[in-house]
Protein backbone atom coordinates (compact mmCIF):
# COMPACT_ATOMS: atom_id res chain seq x y z
CA MET A 1 121.78 110.72 108.89
CA ALA A 2 118.07 110.67 108.05
CA MET A 3 115.75 112.79 110.17
CA ARG A 4 113.00 110.89 111.94
CA ARG A 5 109.50 112.30 111.74
CA LEU A 6 106.88 111.74 114.39
CA ARG A 7 103.34 111.07 113.28
CA VAL A 8 100.18 111.37 115.35
CA TYR A 9 97.83 108.39 115.14
CA SER A 10 94.27 109.65 115.07
CA GLY A 11 92.50 106.31 114.92
CA PRO A 12 91.01 104.19 112.18
CA GLU A 13 89.66 105.68 108.99
CA LEU A 14 86.01 106.66 109.27
CA ASN A 15 85.07 105.00 106.00
CA GLN A 16 84.35 101.78 107.85
CA PRO A 17 80.73 100.69 107.30
CA ASN A 18 79.92 100.25 111.02
CA VAL A 19 81.25 103.62 112.24
CA SER A 20 79.54 106.90 111.49
CA VAL A 21 80.22 110.47 112.56
CA VAL A 22 77.25 112.52 113.68
CA GLU A 23 77.49 116.31 113.78
CA GLN A 24 75.77 117.91 116.74
CA SER A 25 75.44 121.54 117.84
CA ARG A 26 79.01 122.10 119.08
CA ASP A 27 80.04 118.51 119.46
CA GLN A 28 81.13 115.72 117.20
CA SER A 29 80.13 112.20 118.14
CA VAL A 30 80.67 108.77 116.67
CA ARG A 31 78.08 106.00 116.48
CA ILE A 32 79.55 102.54 116.98
CA SER A 33 78.08 99.23 118.02
CA LEU A 34 78.24 98.19 121.65
CA GLY A 35 79.74 94.89 120.49
CA GLU A 36 82.83 96.75 119.27
CA VAL A 37 83.19 98.98 122.33
CA LEU A 38 82.66 96.47 125.14
CA PRO A 39 85.67 94.22 124.52
CA LEU A 40 87.94 97.26 124.33
CA LEU A 41 86.58 98.81 127.50
CA ALA A 42 86.63 95.48 129.35
CA ASP A 43 90.29 95.00 128.41
CA ALA A 44 91.12 98.55 129.47
CA VAL A 45 89.44 98.02 132.86
CA VAL A 46 91.18 94.68 133.43
CA SER A 47 94.50 96.23 132.38
CA ASN A 48 93.85 99.19 134.69
CA ARG A 49 94.53 101.74 131.95
CA THR A 50 94.92 105.22 133.38
CA TRP A 51 93.33 106.91 130.36
CA LEU A 52 89.95 105.60 131.52
CA THR A 53 89.93 108.25 134.26
CA ASP A 54 90.09 110.94 131.56
CA PHE A 55 86.60 109.93 130.45
CA LYS A 56 84.95 108.98 133.75
CA ASP A 57 82.74 112.09 133.78
CA ASP A 58 81.76 111.91 130.10
CA GLU A 59 78.12 111.14 129.37
CA ILE A 60 77.08 108.46 126.92
CA SER A 61 73.76 107.72 125.25
CA ILE A 62 72.28 104.25 125.51
CA SER A 63 68.90 102.85 124.59
CA SER A 64 66.22 102.79 127.26
CA ASP A 65 65.96 98.99 127.15
CA LEU A 66 69.70 98.62 127.77
CA HIS A 67 69.37 101.09 130.64
CA ASP A 68 66.56 98.98 132.15
CA VAL A 69 68.65 95.81 131.88
CA LEU A 70 71.68 97.49 133.47
CA MET A 71 69.63 98.88 136.35
CA ALA A 72 68.06 95.45 136.99
CA TYR A 73 71.52 93.86 136.85
CA ARG A 74 72.87 96.38 139.35
CA HIS A 75 69.94 95.73 141.67
CA PHE A 76 70.15 91.93 141.58
CA ARG A 77 73.89 91.30 141.35
CA ARG A 78 75.45 89.91 144.45
CA PRO A 79 78.41 91.60 146.09
CA VAL A 80 81.68 89.71 145.91
CA ALA A 81 82.43 88.08 149.25
């Protein structure tokens, strides 16, 4: 009987043109377009994925203009009745 081997999936290869790894002081971060991240996060929220809570306290960097738009959106959006 053949032995089965488990493999750990560590994500896509980093040689993709739209993903880059940036070395920081003690951290490693990845730069990726918002257009690639949003659909994945939206699906995870709708699907109520529990792994989202693992990252709820993580900080992200966004551009100041996106921050302004998000703050205006939060201010003017109407609560669901």
